[in-house]
Amino acid sequence: MERGHAEALAPMVQRILAKAQRNVEDLQRIAVTTGPGSFTGVRIGLSFARALGLARNISVLGLDTLSAFRLSYTQNNLALPSGNSGLALVLRGGGEIELIPMSEVDPAAFVKGTPDLKALSIWAAKQAAPLAMPEPVYIREADAKPLVSVKFVDASSSAIVSHIHHAAFDRGWSEKDIIEMLNIAGTEIALAQIVDEAVGFAMIRSIADQAELLTIATLPSHRRKNVAATLLKHSIIKAQNLGATSLFLEVAQSNSSAHKLYIKLGFVETGRRKAYYSNGDDAIVMARSLA
């Protein structure tokens, strides 16, 4: 199923009980896999199992997905692809789950389908009653993105802007650098916040009908939270309001994640500057029409 798991689980249990000629009062124990898996799937499955266990006042036992596969697989190492990331979740003999490139995994280690639910049920029936409800196993943060707000700031925010730039880059800009840049007409800084914490910023400069993204930075602890994309969208709107009909930027050739984001937001490559950066990396020049 692509959608509708939450609505489907309770009727499924009702059908199984009816087929087994049992009532919900006959339930004595519940077994559930705890992930890794899709965030939504893990959350819904665990929520339903825990709620049913609380309603019946019975034990709920959880087992991570790969350990559940191990109940019916004989090989020592088991693996599952991690979405479309090119990585794999690997369970080794010691019981630790690792996230490694798929190219480094023995193809024979990959499991298919879903865990053997009969084997999972037999395992759960043999375990001692747990002291607490099972918790989800997440390899990375949930896919849900936190709400990012953006406001344009002046030189009074130079300290926090400098802090973010130093955290994001090896050679960060000082407060003095930022103030001097803001003194140049057409320069604007967009500051991103999650709740009340400043987590990123973008600086643009507009001259006549052209604007340039001078820099964009996100605190390392808040990357992959939609901060850069939100900043860039607000910067595009600001440049348009300033009368610019095009927005330019430069990105290091090795910065593939930023390059993909710029392409996604409509930027196209217009040129290259060979060995532009101190590490010898090329700078890719990109532009987006604002007309």
Protein backbone atom coordinates (compact mmCIF):
# COMPACT_ATOMS: atom_id res chain seq x y z
CA MET A 1 0.00 0.00 0.00
CA GLU A 2 1.18 3.52 -0.82
CA ARG A 3 -1.26 5.16 1.61
CA GLY A 4 -3.98 4.31 4.10
CA HIS A 5 -2.09 2.03 6.50
CA ALA A 6 -3.56 3.68 9.59
CA GLU A 7 -7.10 3.13 8.35
CA ALA A 8 -6.43 -0.46 7.21
CA LEU A 9 -4.73 -1.98 10.28
CA ALA A 10 -7.72 -2.27 12.63
CA PRO A 11 -10.03 -3.90 9.99
CA MET A 12 -7.18 -6.32 9.13
CA VAL A 13 -6.96 -7.41 12.77
CA GLN A 14 -10.73 -7.83 12.88
CA ARG A 15 -10.66 -10.06 9.79
CA ILE A 16 -7.82 -12.19 11.19
CA LEU A 17 -9.65 -12.65 14.50
CA ALA A 18 -12.83 -13.62 12.67
CA LYS A 19 -10.96 -16.13 10.50
CA ALA A 20 -9.38 -17.64 13.61
CA GLN A 21 -12.77 -17.64 15.38
CA ARG A 22 -11.39 -15.50 18.20
CA ASN A 23 -12.40 -12.24 19.85
CA VAL A 24 -10.20 -9.27 20.67
CA GLU A 25 -10.47 -10.32 24.33
CA ASP A 26 -8.53 -13.49 23.43
CA LEU A 27 -5.40 -11.52 22.54
CA GLN A 28 -2.61 -12.23 25.03
CA ARG A 29 0.47 -10.68 23.39
CA ILE A 30 1.38 -8.46 20.44
CA ALA A 31 4.55 -8.57 18.35
CA VAL A 32 5.64 -5.71 16.10
CA THR A 33 8.69 -4.79 14.04
CA THR A 34 10.27 -1.51 15.14
CA GLY A 35 12.22 -0.43 12.04
CA PRO A 36 14.40 0.64 10.35
CA GLY A 37 11.96 1.45 7.60
CA SER A 38 9.98 4.38 6.29
CA PHE A 39 9.32 6.87 9.07
CA THR A 40 5.56 6.86 8.46
CA GLY A 41 5.34 3.07 8.30
CA VAL A 42 7.31 2.55 11.50
CA ARG A 43 5.33 5.23 13.34
CA ILE A 44 1.92 3.90 12.29
CA GLY A 45 2.76 0.24 12.98
CA LEU A 46 4.17 0.95 16.42
CA SER A 47 1.40 3.36 17.35
CA PHE A 48 -1.27 0.82 16.49
CA ALA A 49 0.48 -2.04 18.32
CA ARG A 50 1.08 0.07 21.41
CA ALA A 51 -2.48 1.41 21.46
CA LEU A 52 -3.95 -2.08 21.14
CA GLY A 53 -1.66 -3.34 23.88
CA LEU A 54 -2.66 -0.52 26.21
CA ALA A 55 -6.35 -1.06 25.48
CA ARG A 56 -6.08 -4.77 26.28
CA ASN A 57 -3.48 -4.32 29.06
CA ILE A 58 -1.24 -6.96 27.46
CA SER A 59 2.46 -7.11 26.55
CA VAL A 60 3.76 -5.62 23.31
CA LEU A 61 7.13 -6.93 22.12
CA GLY A 62 9.20 -5.22 19.45
CA LEU A 63 12.04 -6.49 17.28
CA ASP A 64 14.04 -4.51 14.74
CA THR A 65 13.31 -5.39 11.14
CA LEU A 66 16.61 -7.07 10.32
CA SER A 67 16.57 -9.15 13.51
CA ALA A 68 13.04 -10.21 12.55
CA PHE A 69 14.38 -11.38 9.18
CA ARG A 70 17.14 -13.27 10.98
CA LEU A 71 14.50 -15.50 12.62
CA SER A 72 14.01 -17.20 9.26
CA TYR A 73 17.35 -16.57 7.48
CA THR A 74 20.46 -18.65 8.09
CA GLN A 75 23.25 -16.33 6.86
CA ASN A 76 25.30 -14.39 9.38
CA ASN A 77 24.96 -10.94 7.75
CA LEU A 78 21.66 -9.51 6.52
CA ALA A 79 21.09 -6.33 4.51
CA LEU A 80 18.27 -4.09 3.32
CA PRO A 81 18.50 -1.19 0.84
CA SER A 82 17.97 2.19 2.52
CA GLY A 83 15.52 3.80 0.13
CA ASN A 84 17.17 5.38 -2.91
CA SER A 85 20.19 6.63 -0.97
CA GLY A 86 22.65 4.11 -2.42
CA LEU A 87 23.24 2.86 1.13
CA ALA A 88 22.24 -0.36 2.85
CA LEU A 89 21.27 -1.30 6.39
CA VAL A 90 23.41 -4.24 7.48
CA LEU A 91 22.90 -6.46 10.52
CA ARG A 92 26.05 -8.35 11.44
CA GLY A 93 26.49 -11.26 13.80
CA GLY A 94 27.11 -8.99 16.78
CA GLY A 95 23.65 -7.47 16.53
CA GLU A 96 24.72 -3.94 15.49
CA ILE A 97 22.93 -2.29 12.55
CA GLU A 98 25.26 -0.34 10.24
CA LEU A 99 24.59 2.01 7.34
CA ILE A 100 27.14 1.45 4.54
CA PRO A 101 27.35 1.87 0.74
CA MET A 102 25.46 -0.85 -1.13
CA SER A 103 28.55 -1.50 -3.25
CA GLU A 104 30.33 -2.80 -0.15
CA VAL A 105 27.62 -5.37 0.68
CA ASP A 106 27.70 -8.98 -0.46
CA PRO A 107 24.65 -9.34 -2.79
CA ALA A 108 23.80 -12.63 -1.06
CA ALA A 109 23.20 -10.72 2.19
CA PHE A 110 20.15 -8.84 0.91
CA VAL A 111 16.81 -10.08 2.19
CA LYS A 112 13.59 -9.84 0.21
CA GLY A 113 9.93 -9.34 0.96
CA THR A 114 8.85 -9.01 4.59
CA PRO A 115 9.88 -10.84 7.77
CA ASP A 116 8.25 -14.21 8.46
CA LEU A 117 5.38 -13.17 10.74
CA LYS A 118 4.85 -16.71 12.02
CA ALA A 119 8.50 -16.84 13.11
CA LEU A 120 8.09 -13.42 14.73
CA SER A 121 5.01 -14.60 16.62
CA ILE A 122 6.78 -17.73 17.87
CA TRP A 123 9.74 -15.60 19.01
CA ALA A 124 7.46 -13.18 20.88
CA ALA A 125 5.59 -15.98 22.62
CA LYS A 126 8.85 -17.28 24.12
CA GLN A 127 10.07 -13.95 25.51
CA ALA A 128 9.63 -12.68 29.05
CA ALA A 129 7.12 -9.87 29.44
CA PRO A 130 8.89 -6.58 28.64
CA LEU A 131 9.13 -3.78 31.18
CA ALA A 132 8.30 -1.07 28.64
CA MET A 133 6.65 -0.55 25.28
CA PRO A 134 8.88 -0.99 22.18
CA GLU A 135 10.54 2.10 20.73
CA PRO A 136 11.15 2.87 17.03
CA VAL A 137 14.54 2.24 15.42
CA TYR A 138 15.42 5.18 13.17
CA ILE A 139 18.64 5.32 11.14
CA ARG A 140 18.20 9.00 10.35
CA GLU A 141 15.88 11.84 11.26
CA ALA A 142 12.25 11.75 10.28
CA ASP A 143 11.39 12.94 6.77
CA ALA A 144 9.05 15.56 8.13
CA LYS A 145 10.74 18.96 7.79
CA PRO A 146 10.59 21.52 10.62
CA LEU A 147 9.01 24.88 9.86
CA VAL A 148 11.67 27.32 8.66
CA SER A 149 10.92 31.05 8.89
CA VAL A 150 12.93 33.74 7.10
CA LYS A 151 13.40 37.44 7.78
CA PHE A 152 15.72 40.04 6.26
CA VAL A 153 18.13 41.58 8.77
CA ASP A 154 20.59 44.46 8.99
CA ALA A 155 24.06 44.94 10.50
CA SER A 156 22.70 44.42 14.02
CA SER A 157 22.60 40.67 13.22
CA SER A 158 26.22 40.54 12.00
CA ALA A 159 27.39 38.53 15.05
CA ILE A 160 24.97 35.64 14.54
CA VAL A 161 25.53 35.73 10.77
CA SER A 162 29.29 35.51 11.32
CA HIS A 163 28.80 32.62 13.75
CA ILE A 164 26.79 30.65 11.17
CA HIS A 165 29.33 31.35 8.43
CA HIS A 166 32.25 30.18 10.59
CA ALA A 167 30.33 27.01 11.52
CA ALA A 168 29.56 26.24 7.88
CA PHE A 169 32.91 27.07 6.25
CA ASP A 170 36.58 26.70 7.10
CA ARG A 171 37.19 30.38 6.39
CA GLY A 172 34.19 32.15 7.83
CA TRP A 173 33.50 35.86 7.52
CA SER A 174 34.02 38.16 10.50
CA GLU A 175 31.44 40.64 11.79
CA LYS A 176 33.50 43.41 10.20
CA ASP A 177 33.42 41.63 6.83
CA ILE A 178 29.64 41.32 6.97
CA ILE A 179 29.07 44.94 8.02
CA GLU A 180 31.29 46.17 5.19
CA MET A 181 29.35 44.07 2.69
CA LEU A 182 26.04 45.40 3.96
CA ASN A 183 27.32 48.94 3.45
CA ILE A 184 27.36 48.28 -0.29
CA ALA A 185 24.04 49.30 -1.84
CA GLY A 186 21.77 46.45 -2.92
CA THR A 187 23.13 43.94 -0.37
CA GLU A 188 20.55 41.99 1.65
CA ILE A 189 20.78 39.19 4.23
CA ALA A 190 18.02 36.64 4.71
CA LEU A 191 18.20 34.93 8.12
CA ALA A 192 16.53 31.53 8.61
CA GLN A 193 15.13 30.44 11.97
CA ILE A 194 13.62 27.23 13.34
CA VAL A 195 11.48 28.20 16.32
CA ASP A 196 13.70 30.97 17.79
CA GLU A 197 17.09 29.62 16.73
CA ALA A 198 18.99 31.20 13.84
CA VAL A 199 20.12 28.25 11.69
CA GLY A 200 21.21 29.72 8.36
CA PHE A 201 21.47 32.78 6.15
CA ALA A 202 21.83 33.86 2.55
CA MET A 203 23.39 37.09 1.25
CA ILE A 204 22.48 38.57 -2.12
CA ARG A 205 23.55 41.74 -3.93
CA SER A 206 21.49 43.41 -6.62
CA ILE A 207 23.01 45.84 -9.12
CA ALA A 208 20.76 47.20 -11.88
CA ASP A 209 18.91 44.21 -13.37
CA GLN A 210 21.26 41.50 -12.10
CA ALA A 211 21.57 39.91 -8.66
CA GLU A 212 24.19 37.58 -7.23
CA LEU A 213 24.01 35.07 -4.40
CA LEU A 214 27.18 35.95 -2.50
CA THR A 215 26.90 33.10 -0.02
CA ILE A 216 24.45 30.74 1.62
CA ALA A 217 25.19 28.87 4.85
CA THR A 218 23.43 26.47 7.20
CA LEU A 219 24.54 25.33 10.63
CA PRO A 220 25.88 21.74 10.23
CA SER A 221 23.44 20.53 12.92
CA HIS A 222 20.48 21.76 10.85
CA ARG A 223 21.36 20.55 7.38
CA ARG A 224 18.80 18.42 5.48
CA LYS A 225 15.99 20.39 7.13
CA ASN A 226 14.93 22.46 4.13
CA VAL A 227 16.85 25.52 5.39
CA ALA A 228 18.91 26.25 2.24
CA ALA A 229 15.96 25.74 -0.11
CA THR A 230 13.77 28.08 1.95
CA LEU A 231 16.49 30.74 2.08
CA LEU A 232 17.06 30.54 -1.65
CA LYS A 233 13.35 30.87 -2.45
CA HIS A 234 13.10 34.01 -0.29
CA SER A 235 16.29 35.38 -1.88
CA ILE A 236 14.80 34.91 -5.35
CA ILE A 237 11.70 36.87 -4.35
CA LYS A 238 13.80 39.64 -2.77
CA ALA A 239 15.96 39.94 -5.91
CA GLN A 240 12.81 40.21 -8.02
CA ASN A 241 11.47 42.95 -5.73
CA LEU A 242 14.76 44.81 -6.14
CA GLY A 243 14.25 44.85 -9.89
CA ALA A 244 16.64 42.07 -10.91
CA THR A 245 15.74 39.95 -13.91
CA SER A 246 18.41 37.29 -13.31
CA LEU A 247 20.21 35.75 -10.33
CA PHE A 248 23.73 34.34 -10.53
CA LEU A 249 25.71 32.15 -8.16
CA GLU A 250 28.87 30.06 -7.99
CA VAL A 251 29.14 26.59 -6.49
CA ALA A 252 32.10 24.30 -6.01
CA GLN A 253 32.11 21.37 -8.43
CA SER A 254 32.48 18.93 -5.51
CA ASN A 255 29.42 20.31 -3.68
CA SER A 256 26.97 17.94 -5.36
CA SER A 257 24.12 18.47 -2.87
CA ALA A 258 24.11 22.24 -3.41
CA HIS A 259 24.42 21.75 -7.18
CA LYS A 260 21.34 19.50 -7.18
CA LEU A 261 19.37 22.01 -5.10
CA TYR A 262 20.19 24.86 -7.50
CA ILE A 263 19.13 22.78 -10.50
CA LYS A 264 15.90 21.87 -8.73
CA LEU A 265 15.16 25.57 -8.19
CA GLY A 266 15.68 26.45 -11.84
CA PHE A 267 19.35 27.38 -12.09
CA VAL A 268 21.36 26.32 -15.14
CA GLU A 269 25.11 26.16 -15.68
CA THR A 270 26.46 29.10 -17.67
CA GLY A 271 30.21 28.63 -17.27
CA ARG A 272 33.12 27.42 -15.16
CA ARG A 273 36.10 28.94 -13.43
CA LYS A 274 38.96 26.47 -13.41
CA ALA A 275 40.67 25.86 -10.05
CA TYR A 276 38.81 28.85 -8.60
CA TYR A 277 38.86 27.64 -4.99
CA SER A 278 41.95 27.30 -2.78
CA ASN A 279 41.65 23.50 -2.85
CA GLY A 280 41.85 23.49 -6.65
CA ASP A 281 38.13 22.85 -7.12
CA ASP A 282 36.36 24.39 -10.12
CA ALA A 283 33.59 26.93 -9.60
CA ILE A 284 30.41 26.24 -11.56
CA VAL A 285 28.68 29.48 -12.55
CA MET A 286 24.89 29.15 -12.59
CA ALA A 287 22.05 31.53 -13.39
CA ARG A 288 18.28 31.69 -13.09
CA SER A 289 15.93 34.02 -14.93
CA LEU A 290 13.70 36.09 -12.62
CA ALA A 291 11.59 37.57 -15.40
